[in-house]
C-alpha cells in the first residue's frame, strides 16, 4: 500500500518496521554452500503454520564502496509443495514504500497457494525494512491526540526520527533508493541459483518491479503489477488528486443510490460545511488508549482521517454515514474508519525512514516540475508535507534512466482498481502503452487499492497468467470476471425508528 498522510491515525500507522519474527534465521549473512549458493535455515515466520526457510546475503550499503559498510538483506523462501516443481519462483515485492515483505508472508501465502504448489515463493525484506537494515521511526500511537494533530507535529516527529536514524551504523539515508534495492534483489536471485523468476508487486512494489525489469530484463519471466505507481508518477502530487477523485466518487455514488440519498440528501454540502468549520475543538475516543480526549481538529487532520477508508470500497461504504455524523459534531465514526486500514496489523505498517529515503530521492526533486492542478479539497497537502520533510532529509541519487519505461520483452499483467485513491487506472494506462504489446491492463471498475491478490476472481487470473506455459497464452488470459464485481452499497446505520420497530417485532414474536 502507498503510505498516506492520515495524521489523526499517523501514530497508529507509524511504522515499527512490520518485521515478523523469524526464529532460526541466521543473524549474520548466510554462508555460501559448496556450490557457491546461499545456505538456508529452517525457521518460523509469524502467521505461517509450517516451517519455511530463511537466509540472508551481505551487501554494501554504498554500491560504489564494496568494502565499506555492509548490511544484511534477509529473505524467506516457501518451498513448492510438489516434487516436480518449476524452476521459476515467484518474488513478492512489498508496498509502502516501507513494508516488510517477510512480515507479509503469513497474509499473502494463502493467496498464492495455487502458485506455491509447483513454484517456490520468495519474500525479501528490501533494504530499510523488516530485518534488512531497518529504518524504523518510534511508535507514537499512545501519545495524546492533541499532541499528534497540532500543526507541525508530524514534521517535528519525523525530524527527530531522521536524527536518530542517522546515528545507526547503516544510517546513511542516501543509499535506500529503489535502484540500489533492486540490485540487492538480483543478488538474492543469484544466491538462490535462480535463472528467472516471476514478479508480483503491489503499490510501491510495482515501481520496484518496473525498476527491476529495467535493470535485469533477462531475469524476468512474467510480472504482475497491481496498483501501478510508475517511477515518473511524482507520488506526493498524485496523492492529492487521486484521493480527491476517490472521495468524490463515494459522495457521487451516495447521491445516485436511492436509500443513501434519502438518508443523506445534502452529503456534499455537509462535507464542505464541515471543512469550513475547522479548526475547532472536538471530542475523540483515542484509538489506542480508549480515553476520551478534546482535540483541536484541523482541516489537514480531517482530510488525513478520510483518506484511509477510501482504500477499500467495503470500508468506504461507511463514509457517507461517518461524514454525516461528523457534520453533526460526532467524530468517532470517521476516526474509527481511519484506523481500519490494515486492521492495525504489524504486517502492513511502514518503516518511515525507508519511506522518506525513497520518496525524497525519487519524487521530491520533481514536485516543482509537476503540472497537475491542486485538488479541490486536498489542495497541495501531500506535496507540501513531503517538500518540507525532504528539505532536511539526505537525498540519494537515481540515474536518469530510472524514470524511463523500456518496451517489455516478456508478459506484464497490470491491474487497477477503478476506485483506487492512490494508484487509479490512469497511471497503469500510461505504463501499459510504454511497455508495448507484451502488456495487458485489467481494470476492476469498483475495486480499491490492491486487487490482484485480494479478490478471488483476480487471484485466479494471476495464477493462470503466471502458470501459462507460453507467453501468448498468458497474454490471452480471460479477465472478464473483473468487470462483474459490484460496488458495495452504502452502509446505513439503523435509525431510532427502525430500532424501535425491530424491538417491537421481537416482542411480538416472543408472545
Protein backbone atom coordinates (compact mmCIF):
# COMPACT_ATOMS: atom_id res chain seq x y z
CA UNK A 1 0.00 0.00 0.00
CA UNK A 2 1.15 3.54 -0.63
CA UNK A 3 1.75 5.34 2.62
CA UNK A 4 -0.76 8.03 3.46
CA UNK A 5 -0.69 11.21 5.50
CA UNK A 6 -3.62 10.25 7.72
CA UNK A 7 -2.45 12.41 10.59
CA UNK A 8 -5.11 11.59 13.15
CA UNK A 9 -4.04 7.98 12.90
CA UNK A 10 -0.43 8.72 11.97
CA UNK A 11 0.67 7.32 15.27
CA UNK A 12 -1.31 4.16 14.71
CA UNK A 13 0.29 3.79 11.29
CA UNK A 14 3.71 4.98 12.40
CA UNK A 15 5.95 2.24 11.22
CA UNK A 16 7.56 -0.21 13.54
CA UNK A 17 9.04 -1.96 10.53
CA UNK A 18 6.40 -4.64 10.49
CA UNK A 19 9.03 -7.32 10.83
CA UNK A 20 7.69 -10.73 11.63
CA UNK A 21 9.82 -12.82 13.91
CA UNK A 22 11.84 -15.38 12.02
CA UNK A 23 13.27 -17.74 14.59
CA UNK A 24 16.05 -19.94 13.37
CA UNK A 25 17.27 -17.46 10.78
CA UNK A 26 20.94 -16.60 10.93
CA UNK A 27 21.60 -13.12 12.30
CA UNK A 28 24.61 -12.63 10.07
CA UNK A 29 24.87 -13.13 6.35
CA UNK A 30 24.22 -16.64 5.10
CA UNK A 31 27.30 -18.64 4.42
CA UNK A 32 27.83 -19.99 0.94
CA UNK A 33 27.44 -23.69 0.33
CA UNK A 34 29.93 -25.79 -1.60
CA UNK A 35 28.33 -24.78 -4.90
CA UNK A 36 28.50 -21.08 -4.06
CA UNK A 37 24.78 -20.69 -3.35
CA UNK A 38 23.31 -19.22 -0.17
CA UNK A 39 22.64 -21.61 2.68
CA UNK A 40 19.12 -21.60 4.06
CA UNK A 41 17.99 -22.38 7.60
CA UNK A 42 14.67 -23.81 8.71
CA UNK A 43 12.71 -21.14 10.54
CA UNK A 44 9.27 -19.95 11.58
CA UNK A 45 7.53 -16.79 10.40
CA UNK A 46 4.53 -15.18 12.07
CA UNK A 47 1.26 -16.28 10.51
CA UNK A 48 2.69 -19.35 8.75
CA UNK A 49 1.83 -22.66 10.48
CA UNK A 50 4.69 -24.65 8.95
CA UNK A 51 8.44 -24.23 8.76
CA UNK A 52 9.89 -22.12 5.97
CA UNK A 53 13.49 -21.39 5.05
CA UNK A 54 15.32 -18.21 5.98
CA UNK A 55 18.52 -16.75 4.66
CA UNK A 56 20.43 -13.53 4.16
CA UNK A 57 23.13 -12.12 1.97
CA UNK A 58 25.59 -9.37 2.79
CA UNK A 59 25.57 -6.27 0.61
CA UNK A 60 27.49 -2.98 0.65
CA UNK A 61 25.44 -0.06 1.88
CA UNK A 62 27.04 2.09 -0.82
CA UNK A 63 27.48 0.08 -4.05
CA UNK A 64 30.37 2.36 -5.04
CA UNK A 65 32.26 1.23 -1.91
CA UNK A 66 32.06 -2.57 -1.97
CA UNK A 67 34.39 -2.91 1.02
CA UNK A 68 32.65 -0.21 3.06
CA UNK A 69 29.73 -0.53 5.48
CA UNK A 70 27.87 -3.80 4.96
CA UNK A 71 24.20 -4.62 5.54
CA UNK A 72 22.35 -7.93 5.59
CA UNK A 73 19.41 -8.48 3.26
CA UNK A 74 17.05 -11.03 4.82
CA UNK A 75 14.65 -13.24 2.92
CA UNK A 76 12.28 -16.16 3.31
CA UNK A 77 11.70 -19.00 0.84
CA UNK A 78 8.50 -21.02 0.96
CA UNK A 79 9.29 -24.19 -0.94
CA UNK A 80 6.89 -25.60 -3.55
CA UNK A 81 4.74 -28.49 -2.35
CA UNK A 82 5.24 -30.65 -5.44
CA UNK A 83 8.47 -32.54 -6.02
CA UNK A 84 8.44 -31.85 -9.76
CA UNK A 85 8.38 -28.11 -9.25
CA UNK A 86 9.00 -25.43 -11.85
CA UNK A 87 12.39 -23.67 -11.80
CA UNK A 88 10.97 -20.11 -11.83
CA UNK A 89 9.92 -18.92 -8.33
CA UNK A 90 7.54 -16.07 -7.53
CA UNK A 91 9.08 -12.99 -5.89
CA UNK A 92 6.80 -10.75 -3.83
CA UNK A 93 7.67 -7.04 -3.91
CA UNK A 94 6.12 -5.24 -0.95
CA UNK A 95 4.43 -1.85 -0.99
CA UNK A 96 4.78 1.33 1.00
CA UNK A 97 7.47 2.19 0.28
CA UNK A 98 8.45 0.76 3.64
CA UNK A 99 6.59 -2.52 4.10
CA UNK A 100 8.40 -5.68 5.13
CA UNK A 101 7.83 -8.47 2.60
CA UNK A 102 8.73 -11.11 5.18
CA UNK A 103 6.10 -9.74 7.55
CA UNK A 104 3.53 -10.12 4.78
CA UNK A 105 4.31 -13.81 4.28
CA UNK A 106 1.51 -15.11 6.50
CA UNK A 107 -1.03 -12.77 4.90
CA UNK A 108 -0.03 -13.39 1.28
CA UNK A 109 0.80 -17.10 1.36
CA UNK A 110 -2.83 -18.35 1.30
CA UNK A 111 -3.50 -16.09 -1.68
CA UNK A 112 -0.61 -17.59 -3.63
CA UNK A 113 -1.27 -21.20 -2.61
CA UNK A 114 -2.02 -22.41 -6.16
CA UNK A 115 1.23 -20.96 -7.46
CA UNK A 116 3.06 -22.37 -4.45
CA UNK A 117 2.09 -25.91 -5.39
CA UNK A 118 4.78 -26.03 -8.09
CA UNK A 119 6.75 -22.84 -7.52
CA UNK A 120 8.83 -21.56 -4.62
CA UNK A 121 7.69 -18.23 -3.17
CA UNK A 122 10.38 -15.72 -2.18
CA UNK A 123 9.85 -12.82 0.25
CA UNK A 124 12.76 -10.37 0.54
CA UNK A 125 12.90 -7.58 3.11
CA UNK A 126 14.00 -4.66 0.93
CA UNK A 127 16.82 -2.62 2.46
CA UNK A 128 15.41 -0.30 5.12
CA UNK A 129 12.53 -2.64 6.03
CA UNK A 130 11.94 -5.62 8.29
CA UNK A 131 15.29 -7.08 9.32
CA UNK A 132 17.26 -5.64 6.40
CA UNK A 133 18.97 -2.58 7.90
CA UNK A 134 15.62 -1.29 9.19
CA UNK A 135 14.87 2.44 9.21
CA UNK A 136 12.09 2.46 11.77
CA UNK A 137 10.65 5.55 13.46
CA UNK A 138 9.39 5.39 17.06
CA UNK A 139 5.81 4.28 17.63
CA UNK A 140 3.89 7.32 18.86
CA UNK A 141 0.50 5.65 18.85
CA UNK A 142 -0.12 6.18 22.57
CA UNK A 143 0.62 9.91 22.54
CA UNK A 144 -2.31 12.25 23.22
CA UNK A 145 -4.23 13.04 20.05
CA UNK A 146 -3.97 16.78 20.69
CA UNK A 147 -0.20 16.46 20.54
CA UNK A 148 -0.31 14.43 17.31
CA UNK A 149 -2.63 16.70 15.33
CA UNK A 150 -1.04 20.03 16.25
CA UNK A 151 0.26 21.94 13.21
CA UNK A 152 3.84 20.90 12.57
CA UNK A 153 3.67 17.86 14.86
CA UNK A 154 4.35 15.39 12.08
CA UNK A 155 7.32 17.36 10.83
CA UNK A 156 8.81 17.54 14.34
CA UNK A 157 8.41 13.79 14.89
CA UNK A 158 9.95 12.97 11.52
CA UNK A 159 12.84 15.33 12.14
CA UNK A 160 13.52 13.59 15.46
CA UNK A 161 13.32 10.23 13.72
CA UNK A 162 15.76 11.30 10.99
CA UNK A 163 18.28 12.39 13.59
CA UNK A 164 18.02 9.05 15.39
CA UNK A 165 18.29 7.03 12.17
CA UNK A 166 21.40 8.87 11.04
CA UNK A 167 23.19 7.62 14.18
CA UNK A 168 22.71 3.97 13.13
CA UNK A 169 25.64 2.05 11.59
CA UNK A 170 23.57 1.84 8.40
CA UNK A 171 22.16 5.35 8.81
CA UNK A 172 23.42 6.99 5.63
CA UNK A 173 19.92 7.59 4.24
CA UNK A 174 21.15 8.27 0.70
CA UNK A 175 21.52 4.57 -0.11
CA UNK A 176 17.97 3.23 0.08
CA UNK A 177 16.78 4.09 -3.42
CA UNK A 178 14.73 1.68 -5.49
CA UNK A 179 17.58 1.33 -7.97
CA UNK A 180 20.03 0.10 -5.34
CA UNK A 181 17.40 -2.08 -3.67
CA UNK A 182 16.65 -3.90 -6.93
CA UNK A 183 20.34 -4.71 -7.27
CA UNK A 184 20.00 -6.38 -3.86
CA UNK A 185 17.03 -8.35 -5.18
CA UNK A 186 19.04 -9.63 -8.10
CA UNK A 187 21.84 -10.63 -5.74
CA UNK A 188 19.29 -12.72 -3.82
CA UNK A 189 18.21 -14.32 -7.10
CA UNK A 190 21.80 -15.25 -7.89
CA UNK A 191 22.38 -16.57 -4.37
CA UNK A 192 19.35 -18.84 -4.77
CA UNK A 193 20.63 -20.17 -8.08
CA UNK A 194 17.57 -18.96 -9.99
CA UNK A 195 17.83 -18.09 -13.69
CA UNK A 196 14.46 -16.33 -13.98
CA UNK A 197 11.60 -15.56 -11.66
CA UNK A 198 8.11 -14.11 -11.76
CA UNK A 199 7.47 -10.75 -10.09
CA UNK A 200 4.33 -9.91 -8.13
CA UNK A 201 4.30 -6.34 -6.83
CA UNK A 202 1.56 -4.16 -5.37
CA UNK A 203 1.51 -0.38 -4.98
CA UNK A 204 5.10 0.79 -4.49
CA UNK A 205 6.06 -2.81 -5.27
CA UNK A 206 5.03 -2.04 -8.85
CA UNK A 207 7.64 0.71 -9.07
CA UNK A 208 10.17 -1.73 -7.65
CA UNK A 209 9.13 -4.35 -10.21
CA UNK A 210 9.40 -1.93 -13.12
CA UNK A 211 12.86 -0.86 -11.96
CA UNK A 212 13.98 -4.46 -11.55
CA UNK A 213 12.76 -5.24 -15.05
CA UNK A 214 14.54 -2.17 -16.42
CA UNK A 215 17.86 -3.25 -14.92
CA UNK A 216 17.53 -7.02 -15.33
CA UNK A 217 15.04 -7.74 -18.13
CA UNK A 218 16.57 -11.12 -18.88
CA UNK A 219 15.78 -12.30 -15.34
CA UNK A 220 12.02 -11.69 -15.51
CA UNK A 221 9.73 -14.41 -16.88
CA UNK A 222 6.38 -12.77 -16.06
CA UNK A 223 5.39 -9.73 -13.99
CA UNK A 224 2.16 -8.82 -12.24
CA UNK A 225 1.97 -5.20 -11.07
CA UNK A 226 -1.11 -4.29 -9.06
CA UNK A 227 -1.99 -0.65 -8.34
CA UNK A 228 0.68 0.81 -10.59
CA UNK A 229 2.93 3.57 -9.21
CA UNK A 230 5.41 4.22 -12.04
CA UNK A 231 8.74 5.97 -11.47
CA UNK A 232 7.57 9.17 -13.19
CA UNK A 233 4.39 9.45 -11.11
CA UNK A 234 5.60 12.11 -8.57
CA UNK A 235 3.74 10.43 -5.72
CA UNK A 236 3.15 13.42 -3.39
CA UNK A 237 1.45 15.38 -6.17
CA UNK A 238 -0.63 12.47 -7.44
CA UNK A 239 -1.72 11.54 -3.91
CA UNK A 240 -3.93 14.61 -3.56
CA UNK A 241 -5.57 14.44 -6.97
CA UNK A 242 -6.26 10.71 -6.80
CA UNK A 243 -7.68 10.67 -3.28
CA UNK A 244 -9.90 13.61 -4.23
CA UNK A 245 -11.32 11.63 -7.14
CA UNK A 246 -11.99 8.64 -4.88
CA UNK A 247 -13.77 10.78 -2.27
CA UNK A 248 -15.85 12.48 -4.94
CA UNK A 249 -16.75 9.03 -6.23
CA UNK A 250 -18.09 7.96 -2.83
CA UNK A 251 -20.22 11.09 -2.48
CA UNK A 252 -21.48 10.82 -6.06
CA UNK A 253 -22.35 7.15 -5.56
CA UNK A 254 -24.40 8.03 -2.48
CA UNK A 255 -26.32 10.63 -4.48
CA UNK A 256 -27.15 8.01 -7.14
CA UNK A 257 -28.14 5.33 -4.61
CA UNK A 258 -31.78 5.78 -3.62
CA UNK A 259 -31.51 4.71 0.01
CA UNK A 260 -28.25 6.59 0.67
CA UNK A 261 -29.52 9.77 -0.97
CA UNK A 262 -32.75 9.58 1.01
CA UNK A 263 -30.79 9.34 4.28
CA UNK A 264 -28.08 11.89 3.39
CA UNK A 265 -29.56 14.19 0.72
CA UNK A 266 -27.12 17.04 1.44
CA UNK A 267 -23.94 15.00 1.95
CA UNK A 268 -21.67 17.11 -0.27
CA UNK A 269 -22.95 20.33 1.29
CA UNK A 270 -22.42 18.86 4.77
CA UNK A 271 -18.87 17.84 3.85
CA UNK A 272 -17.97 21.30 2.56
CA UNK A 273 -19.52 22.93 5.60
CA UNK A 274 -17.52 20.60 7.84
CA UNK A 275 -14.26 21.61 6.17
CA UNK A 276 -15.10 25.29 6.51
CA UNK A 277 -15.82 24.88 10.23
CA UNK A 278 -12.23 23.86 11.01
CA UNK A 279 -10.18 24.28 13.08
CA UNK A 280 -12.37 23.67 16.12
CA UNK A 281 -12.44 21.74 19.36
CA UNK A 282 -13.97 18.27 19.06
CA UNK A 283 -14.07 15.14 21.22
CA UNK A 284 -12.48 11.86 20.14
CA UNK A 285 -12.03 8.43 21.61
CA UNK A 286 -8.32 7.64 21.38
CA UNK A 287 -7.96 4.58 19.08
CA UNK A 288 -5.18 3.08 21.23
CA UNK A 289 -5.82 4.14 24.81
CA UNK A 290 -9.62 4.23 24.57
CA UNK A 291 -9.69 7.51 26.52
CA UNK A 292 -11.97 10.37 25.53
CA UNK A 293 -9.93 13.44 24.53
CA UNK A 294 -10.69 17.01 23.47
CA UNK A 295 -8.75 17.81 20.30
CA UNK A 296 -8.33 20.89 18.14
CA UNK A 297 -9.22 19.33 14.81
CA UNK A 298 -7.59 20.96 11.78
CA UNK A 299 -8.57 20.68 8.14
CA UNK A 300 -5.37 18.73 7.42
CA UNK A 301 -6.10 16.23 10.18
CA UNK A 302 -9.67 15.62 9.00
CA UNK A 303 -8.54 15.10 5.40
CA UNK A 304 -5.97 12.65 6.72
CA UNK A 305 -8.70 10.73 8.54
CA UNK A 306 -10.93 10.50 5.49
CA UNK A 307 -8.19 9.07 3.25
CA UNK A 308 -7.62 5.55 4.72
CA UNK A 309 -11.21 4.23 4.36
CA UNK A 310 -11.11 5.03 0.65
CA UNK A 311 -8.53 2.29 0.05
CA UNK A 312 -11.16 -0.45 0.48
CA UNK A 313 -14.65 0.04 -1.04
CA UNK A 314 -16.25 -2.07 1.70
CA UNK A 315 -14.89 0.37 4.28
CA UNK A 316 -15.56 3.43 2.13
CA UNK A 317 -19.21 2.36 2.05
CA UNK A 318 -19.45 3.56 5.65
CA UNK A 319 -18.02 7.01 4.86
CA UNK A 320 -21.33 8.73 3.97
CA UNK A 321 -22.76 7.89 7.39
CA UNK A 322 -19.49 8.83 9.12
CA UNK A 323 -19.26 12.18 7.32
CA UNK A 324 -22.87 12.94 8.18
CA UNK A 325 -22.14 12.15 11.84
CA UNK A 326 -19.08 14.40 11.76
CA UNK A 327 -21.13 17.23 10.28
CA UNK A 328 -23.36 16.88 13.35
CA UNK A 329 -20.33 17.17 15.63
CA UNK A 330 -19.81 13.45 16.31
CA UNK A 331 -16.39 12.32 15.07
CA UNK A 332 -15.86 8.84 16.50
CA UNK A 333 -17.23 7.14 13.37
CA UNK A 334 -14.83 8.82 10.96
CA UNK A 335 -11.96 8.35 13.41
CA UNK A 336 -12.82 4.67 13.72
CA UNK A 337 -12.80 4.21 9.95
CA UNK A 338 -9.42 5.94 9.73
CA UNK A 339 -7.94 3.25 11.95
CA UNK A 340 -9.23 0.35 9.85
CA UNK A 341 -6.53 0.45 7.16
CA UNK A 342 -4.58 -2.76 7.59
CA UNK A 343 -6.52 -3.50 10.74
CA UNK A 344 -3.60 -2.23 12.82
CA UNK A 345 -1.57 -5.24 11.66
CA UNK A 346 2.19 -5.08 12.10
CA UNK A 347 2.48 -6.67 8.68
CA UNK A 348 1.09 -3.61 6.92
CA UNK A 349 2.99 -0.93 8.80
CA UNK A 350 5.58 1.28 7.20
CA UNK A 351 9.26 1.86 8.01
CA UNK A 352 9.00 5.61 7.67
CA UNK A 353 12.75 6.14 7.43
CA UNK A 354 12.91 3.96 4.33
CA UNK A 355 9.71 5.54 3.00
CA UNK A 356 11.08 9.08 3.06
CA UNK A 357 14.52 7.99 1.86
CA UNK A 358 12.86 6.64 -1.29
CA UNK A 359 10.38 9.47 -1.89
CA UNK A 360 12.88 12.24 -1.14
CA UNK A 361 15.34 10.78 -3.66
CA UNK A 362 12.95 9.81 -6.43
CA UNK A 363 9.87 12.07 -6.24
CA UNK A 364 10.62 15.22 -4.25
CA UNK A 365 13.05 16.70 -6.81
CA UNK A 366 10.24 16.59 -9.41
CA UNK A 367 7.44 18.14 -7.33
CA UNK A 368 8.03 21.66 -8.64
CA UNK A 369 8.06 20.35 -12.22
CA UNK A 370 4.60 18.79 -11.96
CA UNK A 371 1.82 20.41 -13.97
CA UNK A 372 -1.07 18.70 -12.14
CA UNK A 373 -3.61 21.16 -10.75
CA UNK A 374 -4.23 21.18 -6.97
CA UNK A 375 -7.16 19.06 -5.79
CA UNK A 376 -10.34 20.85 -4.73
CA UNK A 377 -10.32 19.74 -1.08
CA UNK A 378 -6.88 18.20 -0.60
CA UNK A 379 -5.09 21.02 -2.42
CA UNK A 380 -1.31 20.59 -2.17
CA UNK A 381 -1.45 18.96 1.25
CA UNK A 382 0.73 15.98 0.35
CA UNK A 383 3.29 17.78 -1.78
CA UNK A 384 3.66 20.44 0.92
CA UNK A 385 4.35 17.78 3.58
CA UNK A 386 6.89 15.87 1.50
CA UNK A 387 8.60 19.05 0.31
CA UNK A 388 9.02 20.14 3.93
CA UNK A 389 10.35 16.78 5.11
CA UNK A 390 12.67 16.37 2.14
CA UNK A 391 14.36 19.74 2.61
CA UNK A 392 16.25 18.18 5.54
CA UNK A 393 16.26 14.53 4.52
CA UNK A 394 19.53 13.24 2.95
CA UNK A 395 18.84 12.73 -0.73
CA UNK A 396 20.10 9.76 -2.72
CA UNK A 397 20.73 9.87 -6.46
CA UNK A 398 18.95 7.87 -9.13
CA UNK A 399 20.03 7.56 -12.76
CA UNK A 400 18.05 9.40 -15.42
CA UNK A 401 17.10 6.03 -16.91
CA UNK A 402 15.17 5.24 -13.71
CA UNK A 403 12.30 7.40 -14.99
CA UNK A 404 12.05 5.55 -18.30
CA UNK A 405 9.86 2.58 -19.18
CA UNK A 406 11.55 0.38 -21.82
CA UNK A 407 9.41 -1.83 -24.03
CA UNK A 408 8.90 -5.16 -22.27
CA UNK A 409 10.10 -8.37 -23.91
CA UNK A 410 8.10 -10.57 -21.53
CA UNK A 411 4.42 -10.52 -20.48
CA UNK A 412 3.31 -7.98 -17.88
CA UNK A 413 -0.15 -8.01 -16.29
CA UNK A 414 -1.16 -4.58 -14.96
CA UNK A 415 -4.13 -4.45 -12.57
CA UNK A 416 -6.01 -1.35 -11.42
CA UNK A 417 -8.97 -0.65 -9.17
CA UNK A 418 -11.32 1.94 -10.61
CA UNK A 419 -12.00 3.37 -7.13
CA UNK A 420 -8.36 3.32 -6.00
CA UNK A 421 -7.45 6.56 -4.12
CA UNK A 422 -3.70 6.07 -4.54
CA UNK A 423 -2.94 4.34 -7.85
CA UNK A 424 -6.04 4.59 -10.09
CA UNK A 425 -6.06 3.30 -13.68
CA UNK A 426 -4.72 6.49 -15.25
CA UNK A 427 -1.19 5.60 -14.16
CA UNK A 428 -1.29 1.99 -15.38
CA UNK A 429 -2.76 3.08 -18.72
CA UNK A 430 0.32 5.17 -19.41
CA UNK A 431 2.65 2.37 -18.32
CA UNK A 432 0.89 -0.25 -20.45
CA UNK A 433 1.30 1.93 -23.52
CA UNK A 434 5.01 2.34 -22.83
CA UNK A 435 5.58 -1.38 -22.20
CA UNK A 436 4.03 -2.25 -25.53
CA UNK A 437 2.40 -5.36 -26.94
CA UNK A 438 3.51 -7.63 -24.09
CA UNK A 439 1.46 -5.66 -21.56
CA UNK A 440 -2.17 -6.34 -20.60
CA UNK A 441 -4.06 -3.85 -18.42
CA UNK A 442 -7.06 -5.06 -16.42
CA UNK A 443 -9.33 -2.55 -14.66
CA UNK A 444 -11.71 -3.72 -11.94
CA UNK A 445 -14.11 -0.74 -12.01
CA UNK A 446 -15.44 -0.95 -8.45
CA UNK A 447 -12.28 -2.13 -6.68
CA UNK A 448 -9.95 -0.12 -4.48
CA UNK A 449 -6.24 -0.31 -3.74
CA UNK A 450 -4.82 -3.79 -4.11
CA UNK A 451 -6.82 -6.07 -6.38
CA UNK A 452 -4.76 -8.93 -7.78
CA UNK A 453 -4.36 -10.90 -4.54
CA UNK A 454 -7.40 -9.56 -2.70
CA UNK A 455 -10.27 -10.60 -4.97
CA UNK A 456 -10.74 -14.33 -5.54
CA UNK A 457 -11.58 -13.71 -9.19
CA UNK A 458 -8.31 -11.88 -9.77
CA UNK A 459 -6.22 -14.40 -7.83
CA UNK A 460 -7.32 -16.95 -10.40
CA UNK A 461 -6.35 -14.56 -13.21
CA UNK A 462 -2.90 -14.08 -11.69
CA UNK A 463 -2.43 -17.84 -11.33
CA UNK A 464 -3.37 -18.53 -14.94
CA UNK A 465 -1.23 -15.65 -16.20
CA UNK A 466 1.91 -16.92 -14.45
CA UNK A 467 1.16 -20.61 -14.95
CA UNK A 468 0.52 -20.41 -18.71
CA UNK A 469 3.33 -22.33 -20.47
CA UNK A 470 3.52 -19.92 -23.41
CA UNK A 471 3.69 -16.12 -23.39
CA UNK A 472 0.92 -15.87 -25.96
CA UNK A 473 -1.38 -17.90 -23.68
CA UNK A 474 -0.56 -15.65 -20.72
CA UNK A 475 -1.48 -12.55 -22.70
CA UNK A 476 -4.83 -14.08 -23.65
CA UNK A 477 -5.88 -14.88 -20.08
CA UNK A 478 -9.61 -14.31 -19.55
CA UNK A 479 -10.19 -11.34 -17.21
CA UNK A 480 -13.91 -10.82 -17.81
CA UNK A 481 -14.78 -11.71 -14.22
CA UNK A 482 -13.20 -8.42 -13.09
CA UNK A 483 -15.90 -6.28 -14.68
CA UNK A 484 -18.74 -8.02 -12.83
CA UNK A 485 -17.69 -7.11 -9.28
CA UNK A 486 -20.25 -4.57 -7.92
CA UNK A 487 -19.65 -1.54 -5.76
CA UNK A 488 -20.69 -2.22 -2.15
CA UNK A 489 -23.87 -0.31 -1.25
CA UNK A 490 -23.57 2.47 1.30
CA UNK A 491 -23.79 1.38 4.91
CA UNK A 492 -26.85 2.89 6.53
CA UNK A 493 -26.88 2.65 10.33
CA UNK A 494 -30.23 1.90 11.96
CA UNK A 495 -32.36 4.89 12.91
CA UNK A 496 -34.20 5.13 16.26
CA UNK A 497 -37.43 4.32 14.40
CA UNK A 498 -36.03 1.13 12.85
CA UNK A 499 -34.55 0.06 16.19
CA UNK A 500 -37.90 0.60 17.90
CA UNK A 501 -39.71 -1.30 15.15
CA UNK A 502 -37.27 -4.20 15.41
CA UNK A 503 -37.70 -4.33 19.18
CA UNK A 504 -41.50 -4.36 18.83
CA UNK A 505 -41.31 -7.16 16.26
CA UNK A 506 -39.09 -9.17 18.58
CA UNK A 507 -41.53 -8.74 21.46
CA UNK A 508 -44.44 -9.82 19.27
CA UNK A 509 -42.61 -12.91 18.09
CA UNK A 510 -41.88 -13.94 21.69
CA UNK A 511 -45.52 -13.83 22.78
